[in-house]
Amino acid sequence: MIQTAPAPTPMLAPALFLGIQPGFDAYSAIELYVLLAPVGHHPVGSTVSRQTLERHGYSLQIDHRKQNQDAQLNHSQSRSG
């Protein structure tokens, strides 16, 4: 019997969600996080983007940009109805 290795557990990012920097023109909004532990050359307390955390192999459980878009849509629908 051949055994396969279990799938690696994603590393949760050592960071807290700080907010979203709004996008403009051709630039998308950016999720910002503050670090609770060093990541790469970024020290504790640094503000980094979701992309930076993912580039270092970390996983984030919530896509705050999507959540924010959904909240804005629900808000605009509730005001128009």
PDB file of N, CA and C in Angstrom:
ATOM      1  N   MET A   1       0.841  -1.185   0.000  1.00  0.00           N
ATOM      2  CA  MET A   1       0.000   0.000   0.000  1.00  0.00           C
ATOM      3  C   MET A   1       0.886   1.248   0.000  1.00  0.00           C
ATOM      4  N   ILE A   2       0.560   2.162  -0.899  1.00  0.00           N
ATOM      5  CA  ILE A   2       1.311   3.413  -0.978  1.00  0.00           C
ATOM      6  C   ILE A   2       0.623   4.451  -0.108  1.00  0.00           C
ATOM      7  N   GLN A   3       1.420   5.064   0.746  1.00  0.00           N
ATOM      8  CA  GLN A   3       0.872   6.124   1.594  1.00  0.00           C
ATOM      9  C   GLN A   3       1.250   7.474   1.006  1.00  0.00           C
ATOM     10  N   THR A   4       0.315   8.374   1.044  1.00  0.00           N
ATOM     11  CA  THR A   4       0.604   9.727   0.585  1.00  0.00           C
ATOM     12  C   THR A   4       0.737  10.641   1.791  1.00  0.00           C
ATOM     13  N   ALA A   5       1.568  11.621   1.633  1.00  0.00           N
ATOM     14  CA  ALA A   5       1.758  12.578   2.727  1.00  0.00           C
ATOM     15  C   ALA A   5       0.517  13.448   2.848  1.00  0.00           C
ATOM     16  N   PRO A   6       0.169  13.805   4.081  1.00  0.00           N
ATOM     17  CA  PRO A   6      -0.979  14.695   4.242  1.00  0.00           C
ATOM     18  C   PRO A   6      -0.676  16.060   3.632  1.00  0.00           C
ATOM     19  N   ALA A   7      -1.724  16.742   3.213  1.00  0.00           N
ATOM     20  CA  ALA A   7      -1.552  18.081   2.642  1.00  0.00           C
ATOM     21  C   ALA A   7      -0.978  19.002   3.717  1.00  0.00           C
ATOM     22  N   PRO A   8      -0.061  19.875   3.346  1.00  0.00           N
ATOM     23  CA  PRO A   8       0.514  20.776   4.345  1.00  0.00           C
ATOM     24  C   PRO A   8      -0.551  21.719   4.893  1.00  0.00           C
ATOM     25  N   THR A   9      -0.462  21.984   6.183  1.00  0.00           N
ATOM     26  CA  THR A   9      -1.374  22.922   6.827  1.00  0.00           C
ATOM     27  C   THR A   9      -0.926  24.329   6.477  1.00  0.00           C
ATOM     28  N   PRO A  10      -1.846  25.166   5.983  1.00  0.00           N
ATOM     29  CA  PRO A  10      -1.438  26.532   5.642  1.00  0.00           C
ATOM     30  C   PRO A  10      -1.005  27.291   6.892  1.00  0.00           C
ATOM     31  N   MET A  11       0.021  28.096   6.729  1.00  0.00           N
ATOM     32  CA  MET A  11       0.482  28.929   7.847  1.00  0.00           C
ATOM     33  C   MET A  11      -0.412  30.156   7.919  1.00  0.00           C
ATOM     34  N   LEU A  12      -1.030  30.364   9.069  1.00  0.00           N
ATOM     35  CA  LEU A  12      -1.838  31.567   9.237  1.00  0.00           C
ATOM     36  C   LEU A  12      -0.914  32.754   9.453  1.00  0.00           C
ATOM     37  N   ALA A  13      -1.232  33.845   8.832  1.00  0.00           N
ATOM     38  CA  ALA A  13      -0.394  35.042   8.905  1.00  0.00           C
ATOM     39  C   ALA A  13      -0.374  35.603  10.323  1.00  0.00           C
ATOM     40  N   PRO A  14       0.827  35.969  10.818  1.00  0.00           N
ATOM     41  CA  PRO A  14       0.943  36.575  12.143  1.00  0.00           C
ATOM     42  C   PRO A  14       0.645  38.075  12.051  1.00  0.00           C
ATOM     43  N   ALA A  15      -0.618  38.385  11.736  1.00  0.00           N
ATOM     44  CA  ALA A  15      -0.965  39.780  11.466  1.00  0.00           C
ATOM     45  C   ALA A  15      -2.424  40.040  11.796  1.00  0.00           C
ATOM     46  N   LEU A  16      -2.722  41.301  12.049  1.00  0.00           N
ATOM     47  CA  LEU A  16      -4.091  41.744  12.283  1.00  0.00           C
ATOM     48  C   LEU A  16      -4.518  42.649  11.133  1.00  0.00           C
ATOM     49  N   PHE A  17      -5.762  42.483  10.722  1.00  0.00           N
ATOM     50  CA  PHE A  17      -6.302  43.323   9.655  1.00  0.00           C
ATOM     51  C   PHE A  17      -6.366  44.764  10.145  1.00  0.00           C
ATOM     52  N   LEU A  18      -5.852  45.673   9.327  1.00  0.00           N
ATOM     53  CA  LEU A  18      -5.798  47.088   9.685  1.00  0.00           C
ATOM     54  C   LEU A  18      -6.863  47.883   8.941  1.00  0.00           C
ATOM     55  N   GLY A  19      -7.068  47.577   7.679  1.00  0.00           N
ATOM     56  CA  GLY A  19      -8.046  48.297   6.879  1.00  0.00           C
ATOM     57  C   GLY A  19      -7.762  48.113   5.407  1.00  0.00           C
ATOM     58  N   ILE A  20      -8.516  48.844   4.602  1.00  0.00           N
ATOM     59  CA  ILE A  20      -8.361  48.748   3.154  1.00  0.00           C
ATOM     60  C   ILE A  20      -7.973  50.107   2.606  1.00  0.00           C
ATOM     61  N   GLN A  21      -6.878  50.120   1.861  1.00  0.00           N
ATOM     62  CA  GLN A  21      -6.495  51.337   1.150  1.00  0.00           C
ATOM     63  C   GLN A  21      -7.309  51.341  -0.133  1.00  0.00           C
ATOM     64  N   PRO A  22      -8.165  52.351  -0.317  1.00  0.00           N
ATOM     65  CA  PRO A  22      -9.022  52.355  -1.510  1.00  0.00           C
ATOM     66  C   PRO A  22      -8.215  52.388  -2.802  1.00  0.00           C
ATOM     67  N   GLY A  23      -8.765  51.778  -3.817  1.00  0.00           N
ATOM     68  CA  GLY A  23      -8.147  51.834  -5.127  1.00  0.00           C
ATOM     69  C   GLY A  23      -8.553  53.117  -5.845  1.00  0.00           C
ATOM     70  N   PHE A  24      -7.879  53.419  -6.918  1.00  0.00           N
ATOM     71  CA  PHE A  24      -8.233  54.567  -7.753  1.00  0.00           C
ATOM     72  C   PHE A  24      -7.711  54.313  -9.158  1.00  0.00           C
ATOM     73  N   ASP A  25      -8.382  54.892 -10.129  1.00  0.00           N
ATOM     74  CA  ASP A  25      -8.053  54.685 -11.541  1.00  0.00           C
ATOM     75  C   ASP A  25      -7.872  53.192 -11.823  1.00  0.00           C
ATOM     76  N   ALA A  26      -6.714  52.796 -12.302  1.00  0.00           N
ATOM     77  CA  ALA A  26      -6.467  51.392 -12.652  1.00  0.00           C
ATOM     78  C   ALA A  26      -5.932  50.573 -11.479  1.00  0.00           C
ATOM     79  N   TYR A  27      -5.793  51.191 -10.301  1.00  0.00           N
ATOM     80  CA  TYR A  27      -5.227  50.499  -9.143  1.00  0.00           C
ATOM     81  C   TYR A  27      -6.327  49.916  -8.271  1.00  0.00           C
ATOM     82  N   SER A  28      -6.156  48.658  -7.890  1.00  0.00           N
ATOM     83  CA  SER A  28      -7.126  47.972  -7.039  1.00  0.00           C
ATOM     84  C   SER A  28      -6.932  48.372  -5.579  1.00  0.00           C
ATOM     85  N   ALA A  29      -7.979  48.165  -4.778  1.00  0.00           N
ATOM     86  CA  ALA A  29      -7.878  48.372  -3.333  1.00  0.00           C
ATOM     87  C   ALA A  29      -6.868  47.371  -2.759  1.00  0.00           C
ATOM     88  N   ILE A  30      -6.236  47.740  -1.649  1.00  0.00           N
ATOM     89  CA  ILE A  30      -5.208  46.897  -1.030  1.00  0.00           C
ATOM     90  C   ILE A  30      -5.589  46.634   0.419  1.00  0.00           C
ATOM     91  N   GLU A  31      -5.633  45.340   0.797  1.00  0.00           N
ATOM     92  CA  GLU A  31      -5.847  44.977   2.198  1.00  0.00           C
ATOM     93  C   GLU A  31      -4.546  45.228   2.946  1.00  0.00           C
ATOM     94  N   LEU A  32      -4.623  45.901   4.085  1.00  0.00           N
ATOM     95  CA  LEU A  32      -3.435  46.194   4.883  1.00  0.00           C
ATOM     96  C   LEU A  32      -3.511  45.476   6.226  1.00  0.00           C
ATOM     97  N   TYR A  33      -2.365  44.976   6.670  1.00  0.00           N
ATOM     98  CA  TYR A  33      -2.251  44.221   7.921  1.00  0.00           C
ATOM     99  C   TYR A  33      -1.070  44.751   8.718  1.00  0.00           C
ATOM    100  N   VAL A  34      -1.161  44.666  10.050  1.00  0.00           N
ATOM    101  CA  VAL A  34      -0.035  45.026  10.907  1.00  0.00           C
ATOM    102  C   VAL A  34       0.546  43.711  11.445  1.00  0.00           C
ATOM    103  N   LEU A  35       1.864  43.599  11.399  1.00  0.00           N
ATOM    104  CA  LEU A  35       2.537  42.348  11.774  1.00  0.00           C
ATOM    105  C   LEU A  35       2.681  42.189  13.281  1.00  0.00           C
ATOM    106  N   LEU A  36       2.395  40.978  13.759  1.00  0.00           N
ATOM    107  CA  LEU A  36       2.578  40.609  15.159  1.00  0.00           C
ATOM    108  C   LEU A  36       3.888  39.852  15.367  1.00  0.00           C
ATOM    109  N   ALA A  37       4.512  39.451  14.268  1.00  0.00           N
ATOM    110  CA  ALA A  37       5.802  38.760  14.262  1.00  0.00           C
ATOM    111  C   ALA A  37       6.500  39.170  12.969  1.00  0.00           C
ATOM    112  N   PRO A  38       7.829  39.104  12.950  1.00  0.00           N
ATOM    113  CA  PRO A  38       8.529  39.476  11.718  1.00  0.00           C
ATOM    114  C   PRO A  38       8.151  38.555  10.553  1.00  0.00           C
ATOM    115  N   VAL A  39       8.089  39.121   9.370  1.00  0.00           N
ATOM    116  CA  VAL A  39       7.837  38.359   8.141  1.00  0.00           C
ATOM    117  C   VAL A  39       8.859  38.851   7.123  1.00  0.00           C
ATOM    118  N   GLY A  40       9.746  37.937   6.707  1.00  0.00           N
ATOM    119  CA  GLY A  40      10.815  38.341   5.795  1.00  0.00           C
ATOM    120  C   GLY A  40      11.631  39.446   6.451  1.00  0.00           C
ATOM    121  N   HIS A  41      11.861  40.534   5.732  1.00  0.00           N
ATOM    122  CA  HIS A  41      12.636  41.642   6.288  1.00  0.00           C
ATOM    123  C   HIS A  41      11.747  42.687   6.976  1.00  0.00           C
ATOM    124  N   HIS A  42      10.438  42.409   7.089  1.00  0.00           N
ATOM    125  CA  HIS A  42       9.501  43.339   7.730  1.00  0.00           C
ATOM    126  C   HIS A  42       9.433  43.058   9.236  1.00  0.00           C
ATOM    127  N   PRO A  43       9.773  44.036  10.085  1.00  0.00           N
ATOM    128  CA  PRO A  43       9.755  43.800  11.539  1.00  0.00           C
ATOM    129  C   PRO A  43       8.337  43.857  12.125  1.00  0.00           C
ATOM    130  N   VAL A  44       8.216  43.415  13.354  1.00  0.00           N
ATOM    131  CA  VAL A  44       6.958  43.505  14.103  1.00  0.00           C
ATOM    132  C   VAL A  44       6.460  44.947  14.053  1.00  0.00           C
ATOM    133  N   GLY A  45       5.160  45.112  13.854  1.00  0.00           N
ATOM    134  CA  GLY A  45       4.568  46.444  13.820  1.00  0.00           C
ATOM    135  C   GLY A  45       4.507  47.050  12.431  1.00  0.00           C
ATOM    136  N   SER A  46       5.140  46.417  11.456  1.00  0.00           N
ATOM    137  CA  SER A  46       5.098  46.933  10.082  1.00  0.00           C
ATOM    138  C   SER A  46       3.708  46.760   9.497  1.00  0.00           C
ATOM    139  N   THR A  47       3.358  47.641   8.590  1.00  0.00           N
ATOM    140  CA  THR A  47       2.117  47.512   7.832  1.00  0.00           C
ATOM    141  C   THR A  47       2.487  46.917   6.483  1.00  0.00           C
ATOM    142  N   VAL A  48       1.831  45.801   6.153  1.00  0.00           N
ATOM    143  CA  VAL A  48       2.111  45.109   4.895  1.00  0.00           C
ATOM    144  C   VAL A  48       0.796  44.766   4.209  1.00  0.00           C
ATOM    145  N   SER A  49       0.885  44.445   2.939  1.00  0.00           N
ATOM    146  CA  SER A  49      -0.295  44.074   2.168  1.00  0.00           C
ATOM    147  C   SER A  49      -0.556  42.569   2.254  1.00  0.00           C
ATOM    148  N   ARG A  50      -1.756  42.196   1.860  1.00  0.00           N
ATOM    149  CA  ARG A  50      -2.110  40.783   1.772  1.00  0.00           C
ATOM    150  C   ARG A  50      -1.134  40.069   0.832  1.00  0.00           C
ATOM    151  N   GLN A  51      -0.785  40.721  -0.289  1.00  0.00           N
ATOM    152  CA  GLN A  51       0.118  40.108  -1.266  1.00  0.00           C
ATOM    153  C   GLN A  51       1.474  39.798  -0.638  1.00  0.00           C
ATOM    154  N   THR A  52       1.969  40.691   0.211  1.00  0.00           N
ATOM    155  CA  THR A  52       3.259  40.448   0.873  1.00  0.00           C
ATOM    156  C   THR A  52       3.174  39.207   1.747  1.00  0.00           C
ATOM    157  N   LEU A  53       2.107  39.092   2.532  1.00  0.00           N
ATOM    158  CA  LEU A  53       1.948  37.919   3.404  1.00  0.00           C
ATOM    159  C   LEU A  53       1.841  36.639   2.583  1.00  0.00           C
ATOM    160  N   GLU A  54       1.058  36.685   1.522  1.00  0.00           N
ATOM    161  CA  GLU A  54       0.902  35.488   0.684  1.00  0.00           C
ATOM    162  C   GLU A  54       2.205  35.130  -0.024  1.00  0.00           C
ATOM    163  N   ARG A  55       2.975  36.135  -0.424  1.00  0.00           N
ATOM    164  CA  ARG A  55       4.265  35.893  -1.081  1.00  0.00           C
ATOM    165  C   ARG A  55       5.229  35.162  -0.137  1.00  0.00           C
ATOM    166  N   HIS A  56       5.063  35.376   1.164  1.00  0.00           N
ATOM    167  CA  HIS A  56       5.909  34.702   2.150  1.00  0.00           C
ATOM    168  C   HIS A  56       5.302  33.374   2.621  1.00  0.00           C
ATOM    169  N   GLY A  57       4.254  32.924   1.946  1.00  0.00           N
ATOM    170  CA  GLY A  57       3.688  31.607   2.223  1.00  0.00           C
ATOM    171  C   GLY A  57       2.589  31.584   3.265  1.00  0.00           C
ATOM    172  N   TYR A  58       2.105  32.737   3.680  1.00  0.00           N
ATOM    173  CA  TYR A  58       1.058  32.782   4.695  1.00  0.00           C
ATOM    174  C   TYR A  58      -0.315  32.781   4.053  1.00  0.00           C
ATOM    175  N   SER A  59      -1.263  32.288   4.819  1.00  0.00           N
ATOM    176  CA  SER A  59      -2.645  32.219   4.364  1.00  0.00           C
ATOM    177  C   SER A  59      -3.484  33.179   5.209  1.00  0.00           C
ATOM    178  N   LEU A  60      -4.477  33.784   4.577  1.00  0.00           N
ATOM    179  CA  LEU A  60      -5.421  34.659   5.275  1.00  0.00           C
ATOM    180  C   LEU A  60      -6.806  34.082   5.054  1.00  0.00           C
ATOM    181  N   GLN A  61      -7.574  33.959   6.113  1.00  0.00           N
ATOM    182  CA  GLN A  61      -8.849  33.255   6.013  1.00  0.00           C
ATOM    183  C   GLN A  61      -9.965  34.095   5.407  1.00  0.00           C
ATOM    184  N   ILE A  62      -9.856  35.406   5.460  1.00  0.00           N
ATOM    185  CA  ILE A  62     -10.923  36.275   4.974  1.00  0.00           C
ATOM    186  C   ILE A  62     -10.367  37.198   3.905  1.00  0.00           C
ATOM    187  N   ASP A  63     -11.115  37.339   2.821  1.00  0.00           N
ATOM    188  CA  ASP A  63     -10.764  38.328   1.804  1.00  0.00           C
ATOM    189  C   ASP A  63     -11.574  39.577   2.134  1.00  0.00           C
ATOM    190  N   HIS A  64     -10.943  40.512   2.824  1.00  0.00           N
ATOM    191  CA  HIS A  64     -11.643  41.714   3.286  1.00  0.00           C
ATOM    192  C   HIS A  64     -12.098  42.592   2.133  1.00  0.00           C
ATOM    193  N   ARG A  65     -11.402  42.549   1.012  1.00  0.00           N
ATOM    194  CA  ARG A  65     -11.841  43.346  -0.137  1.00  0.00           C
ATOM    195  C   ARG A  65     -13.197  42.857  -0.616  1.00  0.00           C
ATOM    196  N   LYS A  66     -13.356  41.532  -0.738  1.00  0.00           N
ATOM    197  CA  LYS A  66     -14.630  40.939  -1.163  1.00  0.00           C
ATOM    198  C   LYS A  66     -15.708  41.246  -0.135  1.00  0.00           C
ATOM    199  N   GLN A  67     -15.385  41.084   1.135  1.00  0.00           N
ATOM    200  CA  GLN A  67     -16.340  41.345   2.210  1.00  0.00           C
ATOM    201  C   GLN A  67     -16.775  42.815   2.172  1.00  0.00           C
ATOM    202  N   ASN A  68     -15.845  43.723   1.932  1.00  0.00           N
ATOM    203  CA  ASN A  68     -16.142  45.147   1.868  1.00  0.00           C
ATOM    204  C   ASN A  68     -17.027  45.458   0.662  1.00  0.00           C
ATOM    205  N   GLN A  69     -16.743  44.839  -0.485  1.00  0.00           N
ATOM    206  CA  GLN A  69     -17.563  45.049  -1.682  1.00  0.00           C
ATOM    207  C   GLN A  69     -18.993  44.574  -1.434  1.00  0.00           C
ATOM    208  N   ASP A  70     -19.138  43.402  -0.781  1.00  0.00           N
ATOM    209  CA  ASP A  70     -20.467  42.869  -0.476  1.00  0.00           C
ATOM    210  C   ASP A  70     -21.220  43.811   0.462  1.00  0.00           C
ATOM    211  N   ALA A  71     -20.539  44.348   1.455  1.00  0.00           N
ATOM    212  CA  ALA A  71     -21.178  45.262   2.409  1.00  0.00           C
ATOM    213  C   ALA A  71     -21.624  46.542   1.715  1.00  0.00           C
ATOM    214  N   GLN A  72     -20.788  47.054   0.821  1.00  0.00           N
ATOM    215  CA  GLN A  72     -21.162  48.263   0.085  1.00  0.00           C
ATOM    216  C   GLN A  72     -22.365  48.011  -0.813  1.00  0.00           C
ATOM    217  N   LEU A  73     -22.403  46.855  -1.464  1.00  0.00           N
ATOM    218  CA  LEU A  73     -23.523  46.500  -2.324  1.00  0.00           C
ATOM    219  C   LEU A  73     -24.802  46.387  -1.506  1.00  0.00           C
ATOM    220  N   ASN A  74     -24.725  45.697  -0.370  1.00  0.00           N
ATOM    221  CA  ASN A  74     -25.910  45.541   0.487  1.00  0.00           C
ATOM    222  C   ASN A  74     -26.386  46.897   0.991  1.00  0.00           C
ATOM    223  N   HIS A  75     -25.463  47.774   1.337  1.00  0.00           N
ATOM    224  CA  HIS A  75     -25.812  49.101   1.840  1.00  0.00           C
ATOM    225  C   HIS A  75     -26.516  49.914   0.752  1.00  0.00           C
ATOM    226  N   SER A  76     -25.983  49.880  -0.460  1.00  0.00           N
ATOM    227  CA  SER A  76     -26.589  50.657  -1.552  1.00  0.00           C
ATOM    228  C   SER A  76     -27.960  50.081  -1.922  1.00  0.00           C
ATOM    229  N   GLN A  77     -28.127  48.772  -1.847  1.00  0.00           N
ATOM    230  CA  GLN A  77     -29.418  48.157  -2.151  1.00  0.00           C
ATOM    231  C   GLN A  77     -30.445  48.516  -1.094  1.00  0.00           C
ATOM    232  N   SER A  78     -30.029  48.557   0.179  1.00  0.00           N
ATOM    233  CA  SER A  78     -30.962  48.867   1.252  1.00  0.00           C
ATOM    234  C   SER A  78     -31.392  50.332   1.200  1.00  0.00           C
ATOM    235  N   ARG A  79     -30.545  51.211   0.704  1.00  0.00           N
ATOM    236  CA  ARG A  79     -30.887  52.635   0.604  1.00  0.00           C
ATOM    237  C   ARG A  79     -31.808  52.894  -0.576  1.00  0.00           C
ATOM    238  N   SER A  80     -31.685  52.068  -1.635  1.00  0.00           N
ATOM    239  CA  SER A  80     -32.499  52.315  -2.828  1.00  0.00           C
ATOM    240  C   SER A  80     -33.856  51.619  -2.743  1.00  0.00           C
ATOM    241  N   GLY A  81     -34.018  50.681  -1.817  1.00  0.00           N
ATOM    242  CA  GLY A  81     -35.258  49.918  -1.764  1.00  0.00           C
ATOM    243  C   GLY A  81     -36.096  50.343  -0.660  1.00  0.00           C
TER     244      GLY A  81
END
